[in-house]
């Protein structure tokens, strides 16, 4: 028996799955024995989950928001139309600025000049 242990050419039995599962260091959950290694493994798993969730959210946003916009632009371009851009002016117009009136005049009618924003109502 001891002769087989000392002789490297001696026939040794091939380990089976049953014999490997009985060894304490084969268990994959116990492969990380240190606290730091387990902590790094948990962080890596959490980062993987976050990356997968973000990829799914970005993919859904691309499918439901960006693709319809691109389709509409391509359809409008193929029809020869430019996309309609609605411009609304919500800023109140600037108050008119008058030119100074003459101090003295002997005319009965005065002409008041000034300027303001174009098309202001």
PDB file of N, CA and C in Angstrom:
ATOM      1  N   UNK A   1       0.823  -1.193   0.000  1.00  0.00           N
ATOM      2  CA  UNK A   1       0.000   0.000   0.000  1.00  0.00           C
ATOM      3  C   UNK A   1       0.864   1.254   0.000  1.00  0.00           C
ATOM      4  N   UNK A   2       1.858   1.337   0.880  1.00  0.00           N
ATOM      5  CA  UNK A   2       2.738   2.501   0.920  1.00  0.00           C
ATOM      6  C   UNK A   2       3.617   2.578  -0.311  1.00  0.00           C
ATOM      7  N   UNK A   3       3.817   1.434  -0.915  1.00  0.00           N
ATOM      8  CA  UNK A   3       4.628   1.412  -2.104  1.00  0.00           C
ATOM      9  C   UNK A   3       3.963   2.200  -3.237  1.00  0.00           C
ATOM     10  N   UNK A   4       2.637   2.136  -3.341  1.00  0.00           N
ATOM     11  CA  UNK A   4       1.908   2.871  -4.380  1.00  0.00           C
ATOM     12  C   UNK A   4       1.968   4.380  -4.163  1.00  0.00           C
ATOM     13  N   UNK A   5       2.017   4.835  -2.917  1.00  0.00           N
ATOM     14  CA  UNK A   5       2.076   6.258  -2.634  1.00  0.00           C
ATOM     15  C   UNK A   5       3.419   6.862  -3.002  1.00  0.00           C
ATOM     16  N   UNK A   6       4.474   6.094  -2.822  1.00  0.00           N
ATOM     17  CA  UNK A   6       5.797   6.599  -3.101  1.00  0.00           C
ATOM     18  C   UNK A   6       6.178   6.470  -4.571  1.00  0.00           C
ATOM     19  N   UNK A   7       5.550   5.576  -5.277  1.00  0.00           N
ATOM     20  CA  UNK A   7       5.874   5.353  -6.681  1.00  0.00           C
ATOM     21  C   UNK A   7       4.982   6.240  -7.554  1.00  0.00           C
ATOM     22  N   UNK A   8       5.530   7.216  -8.286  1.00  0.00           N
ATOM     23  CA  UNK A   8       4.699   8.101  -9.105  1.00  0.00           C
ATOM     24  C   UNK A   8       4.089   7.397 -10.306  1.00  0.00           C
ATOM     25  N   UNK A   9       4.658   6.269 -10.714  1.00  0.00           N
ATOM     26  CA  UNK A   9       4.134   5.560 -11.869  1.00  0.00           C
ATOM     27  C   UNK A   9       3.055   4.558 -11.495  1.00  0.00           C
ATOM     28  N   UNK A  10       2.774   4.448 -10.249  1.00  0.00           N
ATOM     29  CA  UNK A  10       1.772   3.475  -9.815  1.00  0.00           C
ATOM     30  C   UNK A  10       0.386   3.933 -10.261  1.00  0.00           C
ATOM     31  N   UNK A  11      -0.472   3.000 -10.538  1.00  0.00           N
ATOM     32  CA  UNK A  11      -1.827   3.311 -11.001  1.00  0.00           C
ATOM     33  C   UNK A  11      -2.636   3.883  -9.852  1.00  0.00           C
ATOM     34  N   UNK A  12      -3.189   5.062 -10.096  1.00  0.00           N
ATOM     35  CA  UNK A  12      -4.033   5.702  -9.083  1.00  0.00           C
ATOM     36  C   UNK A  12      -5.466   5.727  -9.607  1.00  0.00           C
ATOM     37  N   UNK A  13      -6.432   5.635  -8.725  1.00  0.00           N
ATOM     38  CA  UNK A  13      -7.827   5.656  -9.203  1.00  0.00           C
ATOM     39  C   UNK A  13      -8.201   7.049  -9.705  1.00  0.00           C
ATOM     40  N   UNK A  14      -9.022   7.097 -10.756  1.00  0.00           N
ATOM     41  CA  UNK A  14      -9.501   8.360 -11.307  1.00  0.00           C
ATOM     42  C   UNK A  14     -10.612   8.875 -10.401  1.00  0.00           C
ATOM     43  N   UNK A  15     -10.543  10.147  -9.969  1.00  0.00           N
ATOM     44  CA  UNK A  15     -11.586  10.653  -9.074  1.00  0.00           C
ATOM     45  C   UNK A  15     -12.933  10.731  -9.799  1.00  0.00           C
ATOM     46  N   UNK A  16     -13.970  10.336  -9.113  1.00  0.00           N
ATOM     47  CA  UNK A  16     -15.327  10.387  -9.655  1.00  0.00           C
ATOM     48  C   UNK A  16     -16.048  11.579  -9.048  1.00  0.00           C
ATOM     49  N   UNK A  17     -17.238  11.884  -9.573  1.00  0.00           N
ATOM     50  CA  UNK A  17     -17.994  13.019  -9.044  1.00  0.00           C
ATOM     51  C   UNK A  17     -18.420  12.771  -7.606  1.00  0.00           C
ATOM     52  N   UNK A  18     -18.660  11.529  -7.250  1.00  0.00           N
ATOM     53  CA  UNK A  18     -19.047  11.229  -5.870  1.00  0.00           C
ATOM     54  C   UNK A  18     -17.875  11.468  -4.924  1.00  0.00           C
ATOM     55  N   UNK A  19     -16.673  11.071  -5.354  1.00  0.00           N
ATOM     56  CA  UNK A  19     -15.525  11.272  -4.469  1.00  0.00           C
ATOM     57  C   UNK A  19     -15.146  12.749  -4.406  1.00  0.00           C
ATOM     58  N   UNK A  20     -15.365  13.510  -5.511  1.00  0.00           N
ATOM     59  CA  UNK A  20     -15.044  14.937  -5.488  1.00  0.00           C
ATOM     60  C   UNK A  20     -16.025  15.712  -4.613  1.00  0.00           C
ATOM     61  N   UNK A  21     -17.279  15.299  -4.601  1.00  0.00           N
ATOM     62  CA  UNK A  21     -18.253  16.030  -3.797  1.00  0.00           C
ATOM     63  C   UNK A  21     -18.029  15.805  -2.311  1.00  0.00           C
ATOM     64  N   UNK A  22     -17.308  14.751  -1.954  1.00  0.00           N
ATOM     65  CA  UNK A  22     -17.036  14.491  -0.550  1.00  0.00           C
ATOM     66  C   UNK A  22     -15.840  15.291  -0.051  1.00  0.00           C
ATOM     67  N   UNK A  23     -15.025  15.794  -0.943  1.00  0.00           N
ATOM     68  CA  UNK A  23     -13.875  16.575  -0.504  1.00  0.00           C
ATOM     69  C   UNK A  23     -14.358  17.966  -0.113  1.00  0.00           C
ATOM     70  N   UNK A  24     -13.827  18.559   0.962  1.00  0.00           N
ATOM     71  CA  UNK A  24     -14.355  19.823   1.459  1.00  0.00           C
ATOM     72  C   UNK A  24     -14.039  21.017   0.563  1.00  0.00           C
ATOM     73  N   UNK A  25     -13.004  20.987  -0.253  1.00  0.00           N
ATOM     74  CA  UNK A  25     -12.655  22.161  -1.038  1.00  0.00           C
ATOM     75  C   UNK A  25     -13.288  22.153  -2.427  1.00  0.00           C
ATOM     76  N   UNK A  26     -14.076  21.134  -2.791  1.00  0.00           N
ATOM     77  CA  UNK A  26     -14.666  21.075  -4.121  1.00  0.00           C
ATOM     78  C   UNK A  26     -15.976  21.844  -4.219  1.00  0.00           C
ATOM     79  N   UNK A  27     -16.652  22.063  -3.118  1.00  0.00           N
ATOM     80  CA  UNK A  27     -17.954  22.738  -3.137  1.00  0.00           C
ATOM     81  C   UNK A  27     -17.784  24.139  -3.726  1.00  0.00           C
ATOM     82  N   UNK A  28     -18.490  24.482  -4.835  1.00  0.00           N
ATOM     83  CA  UNK A  28     -18.272  25.792  -5.458  1.00  0.00           C
ATOM     84  C   UNK A  28     -18.684  26.956  -4.572  1.00  0.00           C
ATOM     85  N   UNK A  29     -19.631  26.759  -3.685  1.00  0.00           N
ATOM     86  CA  UNK A  29     -20.021  27.855  -2.798  1.00  0.00           C
ATOM     87  C   UNK A  29     -18.982  28.084  -1.716  1.00  0.00           C
ATOM     88  N   UNK A  30     -18.234  27.090  -1.409  1.00  0.00           N
ATOM     89  CA  UNK A  30     -17.194  27.229  -0.381  1.00  0.00           C
ATOM     90  C   UNK A  30     -15.834  27.547  -1.003  1.00  0.00           C
ATOM     91  N   UNK A  31     -15.787  27.706  -2.316  1.00  0.00           N
ATOM     92  CA  UNK A  31     -14.513  27.971  -2.973  1.00  0.00           C
ATOM     93  C   UNK A  31     -13.949  29.316  -2.537  1.00  0.00           C
ATOM     94  N   UNK A  32     -14.816  30.286  -2.233  1.00  0.00           N
ATOM     95  CA  UNK A  32     -14.358  31.578  -1.739  1.00  0.00           C
ATOM     96  C   UNK A  32     -14.431  31.540  -0.219  1.00  0.00           C
ATOM     97  N   UNK A  33     -13.318  31.333   0.392  1.00  0.00           N
ATOM     98  CA  UNK A  33     -13.327  31.139   1.832  1.00  0.00           C
ATOM     99  C   UNK A  33     -13.104  32.438   2.606  1.00  0.00           C
ATOM    100  N   UNK A  34     -12.439  33.409   2.001  1.00  0.00           N
ATOM    101  CA  UNK A  34     -12.154  34.615   2.760  1.00  0.00           C
ATOM    102  C   UNK A  34     -13.331  35.589   2.688  1.00  0.00           C
ATOM    103  N   UNK A  35     -13.414  36.416   3.688  1.00  0.00           N
ATOM    104  CA  UNK A  35     -14.496  37.407   3.770  1.00  0.00           C
ATOM    105  C   UNK A  35     -14.389  38.418   2.633  1.00  0.00           C
ATOM    106  N   UNK A  36     -13.191  38.836   2.325  1.00  0.00           N
ATOM    107  CA  UNK A  36     -12.980  39.820   1.252  1.00  0.00           C
ATOM    108  C   UNK A  36     -13.396  39.245  -0.108  1.00  0.00           C
ATOM    109  N   UNK A  37     -13.062  37.984  -0.346  1.00  0.00           N
ATOM    110  CA  UNK A  37     -13.438  37.357  -1.615  1.00  0.00           C
ATOM    111  C   UNK A  37     -14.951  37.242  -1.739  1.00  0.00           C
ATOM    112  N   UNK A  38     -15.627  36.879  -0.653  1.00  0.00           N
ATOM    113  CA  UNK A  38     -17.101  36.794  -0.689  1.00  0.00           C
ATOM    114  C   UNK A  38     -17.710  38.162  -0.922  1.00  0.00           C
ATOM    115  N   UNK A  39     -17.141  39.194  -0.297  1.00  0.00           N
ATOM    116  CA  UNK A  39     -17.646  40.551  -0.483  1.00  0.00           C
ATOM    117  C   UNK A  39     -17.456  41.010  -1.927  1.00  0.00           C
ATOM    118  N   UNK A  40     -16.304  40.739  -2.508  1.00  0.00           N
ATOM    119  CA  UNK A  40     -16.063  41.103  -3.903  1.00  0.00           C
ATOM    120  C   UNK A  40     -16.974  40.327  -4.843  1.00  0.00           C
ATOM    121  N   UNK A  41     -17.256  39.069  -4.499  1.00  0.00           N
ATOM    122  CA  UNK A  41     -18.150  38.275  -5.330  1.00  0.00           C
ATOM    123  C   UNK A  41     -19.575  38.839  -5.280  1.00  0.00           C
ATOM    124  N   UNK A  42     -20.028  39.252  -4.096  1.00  0.00           N
ATOM    125  CA  UNK A  42     -21.359  39.863  -3.980  1.00  0.00           C
ATOM    126  C   UNK A  42     -21.435  41.166  -4.752  1.00  0.00           C
ATOM    127  N   UNK A  43     -20.382  41.986  -4.677  1.00  0.00           N
ATOM    128  CA  UNK A  43     -20.365  43.247  -5.428  1.00  0.00           C
ATOM    129  C   UNK A  43     -20.398  42.996  -6.932  1.00  0.00           C
ATOM    130  N   UNK A  44     -19.648  42.004  -7.379  1.00  0.00           N
ATOM    131  CA  UNK A  44     -19.641  41.690  -8.807  1.00  0.00           C
ATOM    132  C   UNK A  44     -21.017  41.208  -9.266  1.00  0.00           C
ATOM    133  N   UNK A  45     -21.682  40.402  -8.443  1.00  0.00           N
ATOM    134  CA  UNK A  45     -23.023  39.932  -8.791  1.00  0.00           C
ATOM    135  C   UNK A  45     -24.008  41.097  -8.817  1.00  0.00           C
ATOM    136  N   UNK A  46     -23.905  41.998  -7.868  1.00  0.00           N
ATOM    137  CA  UNK A  46     -24.795  43.155  -7.829  1.00  0.00           C
ATOM    138  C   UNK A  46     -24.549  44.062  -9.038  1.00  0.00           C
ATOM    139  N   UNK A  47     -23.278  44.271  -9.395  1.00  0.00           N
ATOM    140  CA  UNK A  47     -22.964  45.080 -10.573  1.00  0.00           C
ATOM    141  C   UNK A  47     -23.502  44.432 -11.844  1.00  0.00           C
ATOM    142  N   UNK A  48     -23.445  43.112 -11.915  1.00  0.00           N
ATOM    143  CA  UNK A  48     -23.985  42.410 -13.072  1.00  0.00           C
ATOM    144  C   UNK A  48     -25.488  42.603 -13.172  1.00  0.00           C
ATOM    145  N   UNK A  49     -26.188  42.500 -12.056  1.00  0.00           N
ATOM    146  CA  UNK A  49     -27.643  42.679 -12.058  1.00  0.00           C
ATOM    147  C   UNK A  49     -28.001  44.109 -12.465  1.00  0.00           C
ATOM    148  N   UNK A  50     -27.282  45.089 -11.934  1.00  0.00           N
ATOM    149  CA  UNK A  50     -27.547  46.490 -12.285  1.00  0.00           C
ATOM    150  C   UNK A  50     -27.290  46.719 -13.774  1.00  0.00           C
ATOM    151  N   UNK A  51     -26.226  46.161 -14.304  1.00  0.00           N
ATOM    152  CA  UNK A  51     -25.915  46.334 -15.727  1.00  0.00           C
ATOM    153  C   UNK A  51     -26.982  45.695 -16.607  1.00  0.00           C
ATOM    154  N   UNK A  52     -27.472  44.533 -16.223  1.00  0.00           N
ATOM    155  CA  UNK A  52     -28.517  43.866 -17.013  1.00  0.00           C
ATOM    156  C   UNK A  52     -29.807  44.675 -16.966  1.00  0.00           C
ATOM    157  N   UNK A  53     -30.189  45.174 -15.788  1.00  0.00           N
ATOM    158  CA  UNK A  53     -31.419  45.969 -15.671  1.00  0.00           C
ATOM    159  C   UNK A  53     -31.305  47.257 -16.487  1.00  0.00           C
ATOM    160  N   UNK A  54     -30.171  47.937 -16.413  1.00  0.00           N
ATOM    161  CA  UNK A  54     -29.982  49.152 -17.208  1.00  0.00           C
ATOM    162  C   UNK A  54     -30.013  48.864 -18.702  1.00  0.00           C
ATOM    163  N   UNK A  55     -29.439  47.755 -19.107  1.00  0.00           N
ATOM    164  CA  UNK A  55     -29.473  47.391 -20.523  1.00  0.00           C
ATOM    165  C   UNK A  55     -30.892  47.135 -20.995  1.00  0.00           C
ATOM    166  N   UNK A  56     -31.697  46.507 -20.152  1.00  0.00           N
ATOM    167  CA  UNK A  56     -33.098  46.257 -20.506  1.00  0.00           C
ATOM    168  C   UNK A  56     -33.863  47.570 -20.599  1.00  0.00           C
ATOM    169  N   UNK A  57     -33.658  48.474 -19.647  1.00  0.00           N
ATOM    170  CA  UNK A  57     -34.358  49.768 -19.665  1.00  0.00           C
ATOM    171  C   UNK A  57     -33.957  50.580 -20.890  1.00  0.00           C
ATOM    172  N   UNK A  58     -32.671  50.620 -21.198  1.00  0.00           N
ATOM    173  CA  UNK A  58     -32.216  51.370 -22.374  1.00  0.00           C
ATOM    174  C   UNK A  58     -32.758  50.738 -23.649  1.00  0.00           C
ATOM    175  N   UNK A  59     -32.778  49.423 -23.712  1.00  0.00           N
ATOM    176  CA  UNK A  59     -33.327  48.744 -24.885  1.00  0.00           C
ATOM    177  C   UNK A  59     -34.803  49.030 -25.078  1.00  0.00           C
ATOM    178  N   UNK A  60     -35.579  48.996 -23.991  1.00  0.00           N
ATOM    179  CA  UNK A  60     -37.005  49.306 -24.098  1.00  0.00           C
ATOM    180  C   UNK A  60     -37.228  50.761 -24.481  1.00  0.00           C
ATOM    181  N   UNK A  61     -36.429  51.664 -23.929  1.00  0.00           N
ATOM    182  CA  UNK A  61     -36.534  53.068 -24.314  1.00  0.00           C
ATOM    183  C   UNK A  61     -36.220  53.268 -25.780  1.00  0.00           C
ATOM    184  N   UNK A  62     -35.239  52.544 -26.289  1.00  0.00           N
ATOM    185  CA  UNK A  62     -34.907  52.635 -27.701  1.00  0.00           C
ATOM    186  C   UNK A  62     -36.058  52.138 -28.568  1.00  0.00           C
ATOM    187  N   UNK A  63     -36.650  51.015 -28.164  1.00  0.00           N
ATOM    188  CA  UNK A  63     -37.720  50.424 -28.971  1.00  0.00           C
ATOM    189  C   UNK A  63     -38.979  51.283 -28.944  1.00  0.00           C
ATOM    190  N   UNK A  64     -39.362  51.802 -27.776  1.00  0.00           N
ATOM    191  CA  UNK A  64     -40.647  52.485 -27.659  1.00  0.00           C
ATOM    192  C   UNK A  64     -40.586  53.987 -27.909  1.00  0.00           C
ATOM    193  N   UNK A  65     -39.422  54.609 -27.821  1.00  0.00           N
ATOM    194  CA  UNK A  65     -39.343  56.059 -28.004  1.00  0.00           C
ATOM    195  C   UNK A  65     -38.530  56.455 -29.232  1.00  0.00           C
ATOM    196  N   UNK A  66     -37.340  55.916 -29.365  1.00  0.00           N
ATOM    197  CA  UNK A  66     -36.456  56.357 -30.434  1.00  0.00           C
ATOM    198  C   UNK A  66     -36.846  55.772 -31.789  1.00  0.00           C
ATOM    199  N   UNK A  67     -37.214  54.519 -31.839  1.00  0.00           N
ATOM    200  CA  UNK A  67     -37.577  53.890 -33.114  1.00  0.00           C
ATOM    201  C   UNK A  67     -38.795  54.550 -33.762  1.00  0.00           C
ATOM    202  N   UNK A  68     -39.908  54.810 -33.044  1.00  0.00           N
ATOM    203  CA  UNK A  68     -41.025  55.499 -33.698  1.00  0.00           C
ATOM    204  C   UNK A  68     -40.647  56.886 -34.207  1.00  0.00           C
ATOM    205  N   UNK A  69     -39.814  57.599 -33.480  1.00  0.00           N
ATOM    206  CA  UNK A  69     -39.363  58.909 -33.932  1.00  0.00           C
ATOM    207  C   UNK A  69     -38.563  58.799 -35.221  1.00  0.00           C
ATOM    208  N   UNK A  70     -37.666  57.841 -35.278  1.00  0.00           N
ATOM    209  CA  UNK A  70     -36.884  57.639 -36.489  1.00  0.00           C
ATOM    210  C   UNK A  70     -37.766  57.210 -37.657  1.00  0.00           C
ATOM    211  N   UNK A  71     -38.741  56.345 -37.408  1.00  0.00           N
ATOM    212  CA  UNK A  71     -39.647  55.930 -38.478  1.00  0.00           C
ATOM    213  C   UNK A  71     -40.429  57.119 -39.018  1.00  0.00           C
ATOM    214  N   UNK A  72     -40.923  57.970 -38.143  1.00  0.00           N
ATOM    215  CA  UNK A  72     -41.673  59.144 -38.595  1.00  0.00           C
ATOM    216  C   UNK A  72     -40.792  60.089 -39.407  1.00  0.00           C
ATOM    217  N   UNK A  73     -39.553  60.283 -38.983  1.00  0.00           N
ATOM    218  CA  UNK A  73     -38.651  61.149 -39.739  1.00  0.00           C
ATOM    219  C   UNK A  73     -38.342  60.574 -41.118  1.00  0.00           C
ATOM    220  N   UNK A  74     -38.133  59.269 -41.201  1.00  0.00           N
ATOM    221  CA  UNK A  74     -37.840  58.638 -42.484  1.00  0.00           C
ATOM    222  C   UNK A  74     -39.063  58.709 -43.393  1.00  0.00           C
ATOM    223  N   UNK A  75     -40.245  58.480 -42.858  1.00  0.00           N
ATOM    224  CA  UNK A  75     -41.466  58.545 -43.669  1.00  0.00           C
ATOM    225  C   UNK A  75     -41.687  59.964 -44.167  1.00  0.00           C
ATOM    226  N   UNK A  76     -41.525  60.959 -43.319  1.00  0.00           N
ATOM    227  CA  UNK A  76     -41.684  62.353 -43.748  1.00  0.00           C
ATOM    228  C   UNK A  76     -40.644  62.719 -44.797  1.00  0.00           C
ATOM    229  N   UNK A  77     -39.412  62.265 -44.618  1.00  0.00           N
ATOM    230  CA  UNK A  77     -38.360  62.567 -45.572  1.00  0.00           C
ATOM    231  C   UNK A  77     -38.639  61.907 -46.921  1.00  0.00           C
ATOM    232  N   UNK A  78     -39.148  60.661 -46.883  1.00  0.00           N
ATOM    233  CA  UNK A  78     -39.421  59.963 -48.134  1.00  0.00           C
ATOM    234  C   UNK A  78     -40.590  60.596 -48.884  1.00  0.00           C
ATOM    235  N   UNK A  79     -41.516  61.199 -48.196  1.00  0.00           N
ATOM    236  CA  UNK A  79     -42.640  61.882 -48.837  1.00  0.00           C
ATOM    237  C   UNK A  79     -42.265  63.276 -49.316  1.00  0.00           C
ATOM    238  N   UNK A  80     -41.100  63.740 -48.980  1.00  0.00           N
ATOM    239  CA  UNK A  80     -40.642  65.052 -49.402  1.00  0.00           C
ATOM    240  C   UNK A  80     -41.128  66.166 -48.508  1.00  0.00           C
ATOM    241  N   UNK A  81     -41.610  65.831 -47.346  1.00  0.00           N
ATOM    242  CA  UNK A  81     -42.103  66.844 -46.418  1.00  0.00           C
ATOM    243  C   UNK A  81     -41.043  67.080 -45.350  1.00  0.00           C
ATOM    244  N   UNK A  82     -41.001  68.298 -44.918  1.00  0.00           N
ATOM    245  CA  UNK A  82     -40.161  68.582 -43.763  1.00  0.00           C
ATOM    246  C   UNK A  82     -41.024  68.395 -42.522  1.00  0.00           C
ATOM    247  N   UNK A  83     -40.458  67.903 -41.471  1.00  0.00           N
ATOM    248  CA  UNK A  83     -41.261  67.727 -40.261  1.00  0.00           C
ATOM    249  C   UNK A  83     -41.825  69.061 -39.782  1.00  0.00           C
ATOM    250  N   UNK A  84     -43.077  69.032 -39.405  1.00  0.00           N
ATOM    251  CA  UNK A  84     -43.739  70.256 -38.951  1.00  0.00           C
ATOM    252  C   UNK A  84     -43.214  70.631 -37.575  1.00  0.00           C
ATOM    253  N   UNK A  85     -42.736  71.854 -37.474  1.00  0.00           N
ATOM    254  CA  UNK A  85     -42.244  72.357 -36.197  1.00  0.00           C
ATOM    255  C   UNK A  85     -43.190  73.459 -35.759  1.00  0.00           C
ATOM    256  N   UNK A  86     -43.800  73.258 -34.645  1.00  0.00           N
ATOM    257  CA  UNK A  86     -44.755  74.228 -34.129  1.00  0.00           C
ATOM    258  C   UNK A  86     -44.010  75.233 -33.269  1.00  0.00           C
ATOM    259  N   UNK A  87     -44.084  76.499 -33.659  1.00  0.00           N
ATOM    260  CA  UNK A  87     -43.407  77.561 -32.918  1.00  0.00           C
ATOM    261  C   UNK A  87     -44.476  78.377 -32.217  1.00  0.00           C
ATOM    262  N   UNK A  88     -44.403  78.424 -30.937  1.00  0.00           N
ATOM    263  CA  UNK A  88     -45.334  79.245 -30.166  1.00  0.00           C
ATOM    264  C   UNK A  88     -44.534  80.308 -29.447  1.00  0.00           C
ATOM    265  N   UNK A  89     -45.021  81.519 -29.528  1.00  0.00           N
ATOM    266  CA  UNK A  89     -44.352  82.643 -28.892  1.00  0.00           C
ATOM    267  C   UNK A  89     -45.101  82.959 -27.604  1.00  0.00           C
ATOM    268  N   UNK A  90     -44.558  82.553 -26.500  1.00  0.00           N
ATOM    269  CA  UNK A  90     -45.205  82.772 -25.204  1.00  0.00           C
ATOM    270  C   UNK A  90     -44.649  83.988 -24.473  1.00  0.00           C
ATOM    271  N   UNK A  91     -43.650  84.621 -25.042  1.00  0.00           N
ATOM    272  CA  UNK A  91     -43.031  85.771 -24.402  1.00  0.00           C
ATOM    273  C   UNK A  91     -43.875  87.009 -24.724  1.00  0.00           C
ATOM    274  N   UNK A  92     -44.259  87.784 -23.724  1.00  0.00           N
ATOM    275  CA  UNK A  92     -45.044  88.988 -24.026  1.00  0.00           C
ATOM    276  C   UNK A  92     -44.212  89.980 -24.828  1.00  0.00           C
ATOM    277  N   UNK A  93     -44.858  90.760 -25.685  1.00  0.00           N
ATOM    278  CA  UNK A  93     -44.095  91.692 -26.512  1.00  0.00           C
ATOM    279  C   UNK A  93     -43.468  92.801 -25.677  1.00  0.00           C
ATOM    280  N   UNK A  94     -42.388  93.321 -26.222  1.00  0.00           N
ATOM    281  CA  UNK A  94     -41.693  94.425 -25.566  1.00  0.00           C
ATOM    282  C   UNK A  94     -42.563  95.680 -25.663  1.00  0.00           C
ATOM    283  N   UNK A  95     -42.562  96.489 -24.615  1.00  0.00           N
ATOM    284  CA  UNK A  95     -43.365  97.713 -24.674  1.00  0.00           C
ATOM    285  C   UNK A  95     -42.751  98.660 -25.700  1.00  0.00           C
ATOM    286  N   UNK A  96     -43.564  99.422 -26.375  1.00  0.00           N
ATOM    287  CA  UNK A  96     -43.042 100.298 -27.433  1.00  0.00           C
ATOM    288  C   UNK A  96     -42.130 101.378 -26.864  1.00  0.00           C
ATOM    289  N   UNK A  97     -41.137 101.725 -27.645  1.00  0.00           N
ATOM    290  CA  UNK A  97     -40.211 102.799 -27.276  1.00  0.00           C
ATOM    291  C   UNK A  97     -40.441 103.949 -28.257  1.00  0.00           C
ATOM    292  N   UNK A  98     -40.781 105.112 -27.712  1.00  0.00           N
ATOM    293  CA  UNK A  98     -41.097 106.287 -28.539  1.00  0.00           C
ATOM    294  C   UNK A  98     -39.871 107.184 -28.664  1.00  0.00           C
ATOM    295  N   UNK A  99     -39.776 107.820 -29.823  1.00  0.00           N
ATOM    296  CA  UNK A  99     -38.723 108.817 -30.006  1.00  0.00           C
ATOM    297  C   UNK A  99     -39.119 110.080 -29.242  1.00  0.00           C
ATOM    298  N   UNK A 100     -38.162 110.833 -28.766  1.00  0.00           N
ATOM    299  CA  UNK A 100     -38.517 112.028 -27.983  1.00  0.00           C
ATOM    300  C   UNK A 100     -39.321 113.045 -28.829  1.00  0.00           C
ATOM    301  N   UNK A 101     -40.304 113.620 -28.189  1.00  0.00           N
ATOM    302  CA  UNK A 101     -41.135 114.645 -28.849  1.00  0.00           C
ATOM    303  C   UNK A 101     -40.393 115.981 -28.855  1.00  0.00           C
ATOM    304  N   UNK A 102     -40.651 116.791 -29.846  1.00  0.00           N
ATOM    305  CA  UNK A 102     -39.994 118.107 -29.848  1.00  0.00           C
ATOM    306  C   UNK A 102     -40.526 118.969 -28.695  1.00  0.00           C
ATOM    307  N   UNK A 103     -39.650 119.787 -28.118  1.00  0.00           N
ATOM    308  CA  UNK A 103     -40.055 120.620 -26.982  1.00  0.00           C
ATOM    309  C   UNK A 103     -41.049 121.707 -27.415  1.00  0.00           C
ATOM    310  N   UNK A 104     -40.734 122.378 -28.479  1.00  0.00           N
ATOM    311  CA  UNK A 104     -41.594 123.470 -28.944  1.00  0.00           C
ATOM    312  C   UNK A 104     -41.970 123.239 -30.397  1.00  0.00           C
ATOM    313  N   UNK A 105     -43.223 123.458 -30.713  1.00  0.00           N
ATOM    314  CA  UNK A 105     -43.667 123.365 -32.097  1.00  0.00           C
ATOM    315  C   UNK A 105     -44.922 124.217 -32.275  1.00  0.00           C
ATOM    316  N   UNK A 106     -45.145 124.687 -33.470  1.00  0.00           N
ATOM    317  CA  UNK A 106     -46.356 125.461 -33.717  1.00  0.00           C
ATOM    318  C   UNK A 106     -47.304 124.689 -34.647  1.00  0.00           C
ATOM    319  N   UNK A 107     -47.084 123.375 -34.762  1.00  0.00           N
ATOM    320  CA  UNK A 107     -47.966 122.542 -35.566  1.00  0.00           C
ATOM    321  C   UNK A 107     -49.132 122.058 -34.714  1.00  0.00           C
ATOM    322  N   UNK A 108     -50.297 121.865 -35.340  1.00  0.00           N
ATOM    323  CA  UNK A 108     -51.463 121.414 -34.595  1.00  0.00           C
ATOM    324  C   UNK A 108     -51.486 119.889 -34.426  1.00  0.00           C
ATOM    325  N   UNK A 109     -50.831 119.164 -35.328  1.00  0.00           N
ATOM    326  CA  UNK A 109     -50.774 117.707 -35.219  1.00  0.00           C
ATOM    327  C   UNK A 109     -49.322 117.280 -35.042  1.00  0.00           C
ATOM    328  N   UNK A 110     -49.108 116.349 -34.101  1.00  0.00           N
ATOM    329  CA  UNK A 110     -47.766 115.813 -33.860  1.00  0.00           C
ATOM    330  C   UNK A 110     -47.687 114.375 -34.386  1.00  0.00           C
ATOM    331  N   UNK A 111     -46.570 114.023 -34.928  1.00  0.00           N
ATOM    332  CA  UNK A 111     -46.328 112.644 -35.359  1.00  0.00           C
ATOM    333  C   UNK A 111     -45.454 111.986 -34.293  1.00  0.00           C
ATOM    334  N   UNK A 112     -45.970 110.896 -33.754  1.00  0.00           N
ATOM    335  CA  UNK A 112     -45.231 110.151 -32.715  1.00  0.00           C
ATOM    336  C   UNK A 112     -44.611 108.929 -33.385  1.00  0.00           C
ATOM    337  N   UNK A 113     -43.299 108.815 -33.288  1.00  0.00           N
ATOM    338  CA  UNK A 113     -42.576 107.688 -33.871  1.00  0.00           C
ATOM    339  C   UNK A 113     -41.990 106.836 -32.751  1.00  0.00           C
ATOM    340  N   UNK A 114     -41.711 105.567 -33.086  1.00  0.00           N
ATOM    341  CA  UNK A 114     -41.098 104.659 -32.125  1.00  0.00           C
ATOM    342  C   UNK A 114     -40.934 103.273 -32.734  1.00  0.00           C
ATOM    343  N   UNK A 115     -40.596 102.328 -31.916  1.00  0.00           N
ATOM    344  CA  UNK A 115     -40.441 100.965 -32.418  1.00  0.00           C
ATOM    345  C   UNK A 115     -40.770  99.963 -31.324  1.00  0.00           C
ATOM    346  N   UNK A 116     -41.071  98.749 -31.756  1.00  0.00           N
ATOM    347  CA  UNK A 116     -41.379  97.627 -30.867  1.00  0.00           C
ATOM    348  C   UNK A 116     -41.122  96.334 -31.632  1.00  0.00           C
ATOM    349  N   UNK A 117     -41.457  95.215 -31.052  1.00  0.00           N
ATOM    350  CA  UNK A 117     -41.277  93.915 -31.693  1.00  0.00           C
ATOM    351  C   UNK A 117     -42.186  93.806 -32.906  1.00  0.00           C
ATOM    352  N   UNK A 118     -41.695  93.186 -33.967  1.00  0.00           N
ATOM    353  CA  UNK A 118     -42.489  93.039 -35.188  1.00  0.00           C
ATOM    354  C   UNK A 118     -43.656  92.093 -34.960  1.00  0.00           C
ATOM    355  N   UNK A 119     -44.783  92.403 -35.535  1.00  0.00           N
ATOM    356  CA  UNK A 119     -46.017  91.591 -35.447  1.00  0.00           C
ATOM    357  C   UNK A 119     -46.500  91.422 -34.013  1.00  0.00           C
ATOM    358  N   UNK A 120     -46.245  92.366 -33.156  1.00  0.00           N
ATOM    359  CA  UNK A 120     -46.709  92.292 -31.768  1.00  0.00           C
ATOM    360  C   UNK A 120     -48.183  92.666 -31.715  1.00  0.00           C
ATOM    361  N   UNK A 121     -48.925  91.916 -30.935  1.00  0.00           N
ATOM    362  CA  UNK A 121     -50.359  92.186 -30.806  1.00  0.00           C
ATOM    363  C   UNK A 121     -50.735  92.324 -29.355  1.00  0.00           C
TER     364      UNK A 121
END
